[in-house]
Amino acid sequence: MSMPTNNEYRAPDTVEDSTVEPRRTTSPVLLTLLAFAVTAGGLIWWSQSRAPAEAPVATVPGAVIGDAAPAAPAGERAATNRERAERVATRPAPISRDARPLATNTEPKYPASMLRAGVGGTVVVLAEVDANGNPIEVRVVERSGERDLDRAALTAVRQWRFEPAMRNGKAVATSVKVPVDFTPI
């Protein structure tokens, strides 16, 4: 058998000589990526083509048609939407603060024996305060050095009321350290 030249066609001698090209398939990964790209493009197009929602128009009952004001032009509506968005953006953040004793709380009763002796000091009390401002548990965290002063401070703080702690505008239970000073006169 002779070698065919570039312009000659040679018929296959046998079935084994003929080459059958394998069937080409598309990778499932490529199909998934294509589907994702088409979906993402559609979502982007859809989100950018949506017009901003306009506020509903309020009507006055019993208004005469001739007295109705003309509709605001589109530019004015956009300006009012911007103003509304700016008002929302400039709203103060919800209040957050720690619990604190009310100013109306009574002073702790100075033990007479300590007052006569001229003994003073500061007691730091830790008060667990509920969301209503009531002390739940009270304990001394820094002692004054005098047991009578520590007891007087605990007794006073148990009877106090507090402004509750605020987190995101809501009252919450928390703990607060309260210094109680005993100064002899």
C-alpha atoms as a PDB file:
ATOM      1  CA  MET A   1       0.000   0.000   0.000  1.00  0.00           C
ATOM      2  CA  SER A   2       1.287   3.391  -0.869  1.00  0.00           C
ATOM      3  CA  MET A   3       1.217   6.477   1.329  1.00  0.00           C
ATOM      4  CA  PRO A   4      -1.443   8.942   0.300  1.00  0.00           C
ATOM      5  CA  THR A   5      -0.447  12.426  -0.587  1.00  0.00           C
ATOM      6  CA  ASN A   6      -2.141  15.420   0.862  1.00  0.00           C
ATOM      7  CA  ASN A   7      -4.690  15.679  -1.923  1.00  0.00           C
ATOM      8  CA  GLU A   8      -5.506  12.004  -2.244  1.00  0.00           C
ATOM      9  CA  TYR A   9      -8.262  10.238  -0.401  1.00  0.00           C
ATOM     10  CA  ARG A  10      -7.676   6.727   0.728  1.00  0.00           C
ATOM     11  CA  ALA A  11     -10.574   4.536   1.725  1.00  0.00           C
ATOM     12  CA  PRO A  12     -10.035   2.479   4.829  1.00  0.00           C
ATOM     13  CA  ASP A  13      -9.028  -1.111   4.131  1.00  0.00           C
ATOM     14  CA  THR A  14     -10.661  -2.506   7.199  1.00  0.00           C
ATOM     15  CA  VAL A  15     -13.059  -1.489   9.910  1.00  0.00           C
ATOM     16  CA  GLU A  16     -10.207  -1.247  12.391  1.00  0.00           C
ATOM     17  CA  ASP A  17      -8.523   1.327  10.191  1.00  0.00           C
ATOM     18  CA  SER A  18     -11.369   3.782  10.433  1.00  0.00           C
ATOM     19  CA  THR A  19     -11.117   5.979  13.482  1.00  0.00           C
ATOM     20  CA  VAL A  20     -14.253   6.929  15.275  1.00  0.00           C
ATOM     21  CA  GLU A  21     -13.980  10.110  17.218  1.00  0.00           C
ATOM     22  CA  PRO A  22     -15.157   9.794  20.819  1.00  0.00           C
ATOM     23  CA  ARG A  23     -18.321  11.665  21.740  1.00  0.00           C
ATOM     24  CA  ARG A  24     -17.528  14.932  23.411  1.00  0.00           C
ATOM     25  CA  THR A  25     -19.368  15.781  26.622  1.00  0.00           C
ATOM     26  CA  THR A  26     -19.439  18.961  28.625  1.00  0.00           C
ATOM     27  CA  SER A  27     -18.090  18.795  32.132  1.00  0.00           C
ATOM     28  CA  PRO A  28     -20.732  19.076  34.875  1.00  0.00           C
ATOM     29  CA  VAL A  29     -18.467  21.595  36.641  1.00  0.00           C
ATOM     30  CA  LEU A  30     -18.492  23.856  33.589  1.00  0.00           C
ATOM     31  CA  LEU A  31     -22.277  23.572  33.324  1.00  0.00           C
ATOM     32  CA  THR A  32     -22.650  24.493  37.004  1.00  0.00           C
ATOM     33  CA  LEU A  33     -20.365  27.512  36.597  1.00  0.00           C
ATOM     34  CA  LEU A  34     -22.307  28.626  33.541  1.00  0.00           C
ATOM     35  CA  ALA A  35     -25.622  28.314  35.396  1.00  0.00           C
ATOM     36  CA  PHE A  36     -24.197  30.293  38.336  1.00  0.00           C
ATOM     37  CA  ALA A  37     -22.916  33.059  36.064  1.00  0.00           C
ATOM     38  CA  VAL A  38     -26.257  33.364  34.275  1.00  0.00           C
ATOM     39  CA  THR A  39     -28.145  33.432  37.591  1.00  0.00           C
ATOM     40  CA  ALA A  40     -25.806  36.023  39.101  1.00  0.00           C
ATOM     41  CA  GLY A  41     -26.082  38.215  36.035  1.00  0.00           C
ATOM     42  CA  GLY A  42     -29.862  37.979  36.127  1.00  0.00           C
ATOM     43  CA  LEU A  43     -29.990  38.889  39.804  1.00  0.00           C
ATOM     44  CA  ILE A  44     -27.728  41.894  39.288  1.00  0.00           C
ATOM     45  CA  TRP A  45     -29.808  43.086  36.354  1.00  0.00           C
ATOM     46  CA  TRP A  46     -33.054  42.586  38.302  1.00  0.00           C
ATOM     47  CA  SER A  47     -31.824  44.429  41.413  1.00  0.00           C
ATOM     48  CA  GLN A  48     -30.572  47.416  39.400  1.00  0.00           C
ATOM     49  CA  SER A  49     -33.629  47.663  37.184  1.00  0.00           C
ATOM     50  CA  ARG A  50     -36.091  47.884  40.077  1.00  0.00           C
ATOM     51  CA  ALA A  51     -37.349  51.400  40.680  1.00  0.00           C
ATOM     52  CA  PRO A  52     -37.332  52.593  44.300  1.00  0.00           C
ATOM     53  CA  ALA A  53     -40.701  52.173  45.939  1.00  0.00           C
ATOM     54  CA  GLU A  54     -42.602  55.402  46.369  1.00  0.00           C
ATOM     55  CA  ALA A  55     -44.436  56.317  49.519  1.00  0.00           C
ATOM     56  CA  PRO A  56     -48.200  55.867  49.375  1.00  0.00           C
ATOM     57  CA  VAL A  57     -50.192  59.016  48.774  1.00  0.00           C
ATOM     58  CA  ALA A  58     -52.429  60.062  51.647  1.00  0.00           C
ATOM     59  CA  THR A  59     -55.901  61.244  50.729  1.00  0.00           C
ATOM     60  CA  VAL A  60     -58.086  63.587  52.682  1.00  0.00           C
ATOM     61  CA  PRO A  61     -61.675  62.403  53.088  1.00  0.00           C
ATOM     62  CA  GLY A  62     -64.223  64.707  51.481  1.00  0.00           C
ATOM     63  CA  ALA A  63     -61.699  66.686  49.437  1.00  0.00           C
ATOM     64  CA  VAL A  64     -62.985  68.402  46.336  1.00  0.00           C
ATOM     65  CA  ILE A  65     -61.251  67.360  43.138  1.00  0.00           C
ATOM     66  CA  GLY A  66     -60.713  70.959  42.081  1.00  0.00           C
ATOM     67  CA  ASP A  67     -58.936  71.691  45.379  1.00  0.00           C
ATOM     68  CA  ALA A  68     -56.479  68.808  45.052  1.00  0.00           C
ATOM     69  CA  ALA A  69     -52.859  69.800  44.759  1.00  0.00           C
ATOM     70  CA  PRO A  70     -51.036  68.690  41.626  1.00  0.00           C
ATOM     71  CA  ALA A  71     -48.826  65.625  41.974  1.00  0.00           C
ATOM     72  CA  ALA A  72     -45.224  66.332  42.853  1.00  0.00           C
ATOM     73  CA  PRO A  73     -42.737  65.958  40.001  1.00  0.00           C
ATOM     74  CA  ALA A  74     -40.418  62.955  40.079  1.00  0.00           C
ATOM     75  CA  GLY A  75     -37.453  65.135  41.134  1.00  0.00           C
ATOM     76  CA  GLU A  76     -39.290  66.323  44.239  1.00  0.00           C
ATOM     77  CA  ARG A  77     -40.278  62.765  45.138  1.00  0.00           C
ATOM     78  CA  ALA A  78     -36.640  61.726  44.888  1.00  0.00           C
ATOM     79  CA  ALA A  79     -35.679  64.664  47.121  1.00  0.00           C
ATOM     80  CA  THR A  80     -38.233  63.661  49.762  1.00  0.00           C
ATOM     81  CA  ASN A  81     -36.992  60.063  49.624  1.00  0.00           C
ATOM     82  CA  ARG A  82     -33.444  61.340  50.177  1.00  0.00           C
ATOM     83  CA  GLU A  83     -34.583  63.531  53.072  1.00  0.00           C
ATOM     84  CA  ARG A  84     -36.396  60.577  54.631  1.00  0.00           C
ATOM     85  CA  ALA A  85     -33.271  58.422  54.294  1.00  0.00           C
ATOM     86  CA  GLU A  86     -31.147  61.165  55.878  1.00  0.00           C
ATOM     87  CA  ARG A  87     -33.578  61.451  58.821  1.00  0.00           C
ATOM     88  CA  VAL A  88     -33.377  57.708  59.390  1.00  0.00           C
ATOM     89  CA  ALA A  89     -29.578  57.806  59.173  1.00  0.00           C
ATOM     90  CA  THR A  90     -29.329  60.665  61.694  1.00  0.00           C
ATOM     91  CA  ARG A  91     -31.555  59.080  64.338  1.00  0.00           C
ATOM     92  CA  PRO A  92     -29.757  58.675  67.635  1.00  0.00           C
ATOM     93  CA  ALA A  93     -28.525  55.201  68.403  1.00  0.00           C
ATOM     94  CA  PRO A  94     -30.509  53.233  70.965  1.00  0.00           C
ATOM     95  CA  ILE A  95     -29.588  54.170  74.512  1.00  0.00           C
ATOM     96  CA  SER A  96     -27.018  52.043  76.317  1.00  0.00           C
ATOM     97  CA  ARG A  97     -25.896  52.834  79.860  1.00  0.00           C
ATOM     98  CA  ASP A  98     -25.021  51.176  83.147  1.00  0.00           C
ATOM     99  CA  ALA A  99     -27.297  50.985  86.166  1.00  0.00           C
ATOM    100  CA  ARG A 100     -27.061  53.854  88.640  1.00  0.00           C
ATOM    101  CA  PRO A 101     -28.598  54.652  92.019  1.00  0.00           C
ATOM    102  CA  LEU A 102     -31.556  57.028  92.081  1.00  0.00           C
ATOM    103  CA  ALA A 103     -30.954  60.450  93.604  1.00  0.00           C
ATOM    104  CA  THR A 104     -33.927  59.905  95.930  1.00  0.00           C
ATOM    105  CA  ASN A 105     -32.194  57.086  97.829  1.00  0.00           C
ATOM    106  CA  THR A 106     -31.658  57.795 101.517  1.00  0.00           C
ATOM    107  CA  GLU A 107     -28.184  58.192 102.966  1.00  0.00           C
ATOM    108  CA  PRO A 108     -26.925  55.155 104.882  1.00  0.00           C
ATOM    109  CA  LYS A 109     -27.388  55.344 108.637  1.00  0.00           C
ATOM    110  CA  TYR A 110     -24.022  56.128 110.256  1.00  0.00           C
ATOM    111  CA  PRO A 111     -23.484  53.712 113.180  1.00  0.00           C
ATOM    112  CA  ALA A 112     -23.560  55.793 116.390  1.00  0.00           C
ATOM    113  CA  SER A 113     -20.547  54.042 117.916  1.00  0.00           C
ATOM    114  CA  MET A 114     -18.451  54.746 114.805  1.00  0.00           C
ATOM    115  CA  LEU A 115     -19.618  58.376 114.703  1.00  0.00           C
ATOM    116  CA  ARG A 116     -18.723  58.911 118.400  1.00  0.00           C
ATOM    117  CA  ALA A 117     -15.305  57.350 117.827  1.00  0.00           C
ATOM    118  CA  GLY A 118     -14.753  59.538 114.733  1.00  0.00           C
ATOM    119  CA  VAL A 119     -14.171  56.493 112.541  1.00  0.00           C
ATOM    120  CA  GLY A 120     -14.937  56.793 108.838  1.00  0.00           C
ATOM    121  CA  GLY A 121     -14.218  54.999 105.603  1.00  0.00           C
ATOM    122  CA  THR A 122     -15.505  53.956 102.212  1.00  0.00           C
ATOM    123  CA  VAL A 123     -17.284  50.687 101.506  1.00  0.00           C
ATOM    124  CA  VAL A 124     -17.666  49.500  97.888  1.00  0.00           C
ATOM    125  CA  VAL A 125     -20.810  47.433  97.458  1.00  0.00           C
ATOM    126  CA  LEU A 126     -21.607  45.282  94.419  1.00  0.00           C
ATOM    127  CA  ALA A 127     -25.345  45.265  93.747  1.00  0.00           C
ATOM    128  CA  GLU A 128     -26.982  42.852  91.296  1.00  0.00           C
ATOM    129  CA  VAL A 129     -29.834  44.943  89.853  1.00  0.00           C
ATOM    130  CA  ASP A 130     -32.792  43.479  87.927  1.00  0.00           C
ATOM    131  CA  ALA A 131     -34.412  45.076  84.868  1.00  0.00           C
ATOM    132  CA  ASN A 132     -36.849  46.970  87.135  1.00  0.00           C
ATOM    133  CA  GLY A 133     -34.067  48.626  89.144  1.00  0.00           C
ATOM    134  CA  ASN A 134     -34.451  46.523  92.295  1.00  0.00           C
ATOM    135  CA  PRO A 135     -31.323  45.145  93.995  1.00  0.00           C
ATOM    136  CA  ILE A 136     -31.436  41.346  93.973  1.00  0.00           C
ATOM    137  CA  GLU A 137     -28.144  40.536  95.678  1.00  0.00           C
ATOM    138  CA  VAL A 138     -25.858  42.903  97.541  1.00  0.00           C
ATOM    139  CA  ARG A 139     -22.342  42.165  98.807  1.00  0.00           C
ATOM    140  CA  VAL A 140     -19.242  44.040  99.905  1.00  0.00           C
ATOM    141  CA  VAL A 141     -16.341  43.966  97.438  1.00  0.00           C
ATOM    142  CA  GLU A 142     -14.045  46.463  99.219  1.00  0.00           C
ATOM    143  CA  ARG A 143     -14.245  46.675 102.992  1.00  0.00           C
ATOM    144  CA  SER A 144     -13.781  49.824 105.041  1.00  0.00           C
ATOM    145  CA  GLY A 145     -11.940  48.032 107.809  1.00  0.00           C
ATOM    146  CA  GLU A 146     -14.875  48.423 110.220  1.00  0.00           C
ATOM    147  CA  ARG A 147     -17.540  45.743 110.335  1.00  0.00           C
ATOM    148  CA  ASP A 148     -20.257  48.185 111.500  1.00  0.00           C
ATOM    149  CA  LEU A 149     -19.675  50.494 108.501  1.00  0.00           C
ATOM    150  CA  ASP A 150     -19.784  47.522 106.099  1.00  0.00           C
ATOM    151  CA  ARG A 151     -23.095  46.341 107.576  1.00  0.00           C
ATOM    152  CA  ALA A 152     -24.610  49.834 107.429  1.00  0.00           C
ATOM    153  CA  ALA A 153     -23.627  50.150 103.764  1.00  0.00           C
ATOM    154  CA  LEU A 154     -25.159  46.750 102.909  1.00  0.00           C
ATOM    155  CA  THR A 155     -28.387  47.598 104.755  1.00  0.00           C
ATOM    156  CA  ALA A 156     -28.710  50.935 102.938  1.00  0.00           C
ATOM    157  CA  VAL A 157     -27.996  49.583  99.424  1.00  0.00           C
ATOM    158  CA  ARG A 158     -30.506  46.739  99.875  1.00  0.00           C
ATOM    159  CA  GLN A 159     -33.226  49.393 100.311  1.00  0.00           C
ATOM    160  CA  TRP A 160     -32.116  51.580  97.404  1.00  0.00           C
ATOM    161  CA  ARG A 161     -33.677  51.672  93.948  1.00  0.00           C
ATOM    162  CA  PHE A 162     -31.700  52.027  90.738  1.00  0.00           C
ATOM    163  CA  GLU A 163     -32.184  53.211  87.207  1.00  0.00           C
ATOM    164  CA  PRO A 164     -31.758  49.900  85.374  1.00  0.00           C
ATOM    165  CA  ALA A 165     -28.991  49.384  82.860  1.00  0.00           C
ATOM    166  CA  MET A 166     -30.028  49.939  79.247  1.00  0.00           C
ATOM    167  CA  ARG A 167     -28.789  47.936  76.261  1.00  0.00           C
ATOM    168  CA  ASN A 168     -30.108  48.932  72.830  1.00  0.00           C
ATOM    169  CA  GLY A 169     -32.908  50.887  74.465  1.00  0.00           C
ATOM    170  CA  LYS A 170     -34.139  48.029  76.674  1.00  0.00           C
ATOM    171  CA  ALA A 171     -33.756  47.671  80.436  1.00  0.00           C
ATOM    172  CA  VAL A 172     -31.573  44.706  81.405  1.00  0.00           C
ATOM    173  CA  ALA A 173     -30.355  43.125  84.631  1.00  0.00           C
ATOM    174  CA  THR A 174     -26.760  43.890  85.520  1.00  0.00           C
ATOM    175  CA  SER A 175     -24.396  44.506  88.407  1.00  0.00           C
ATOM    176  CA  VAL A 176     -23.096  47.866  89.586  1.00  0.00           C
ATOM    177  CA  LYS A 177     -20.396  48.855  92.073  1.00  0.00           C
ATOM    178  CA  VAL A 178     -21.566  51.534  94.492  1.00  0.00           C
ATOM    179  CA  PRO A 179     -19.104  53.370  96.756  1.00  0.00           C
ATOM    180  CA  VAL A 180     -20.652  54.327 100.115  1.00  0.00           C
ATOM    181  CA  ASP A 181     -18.718  56.982 102.021  1.00  0.00           C
ATOM    182  CA  PHE A 182     -18.855  57.403 105.796  1.00  0.00           C
ATOM    183  CA  THR A 183     -17.253  60.689 106.831  1.00  0.00           C
ATOM    184  CA  PRO A 184     -17.407  61.713 110.506  1.00  0.00           C
ATOM    185  CA  ILE A 185     -18.447  65.297 111.121  1.00  0.00           C
END
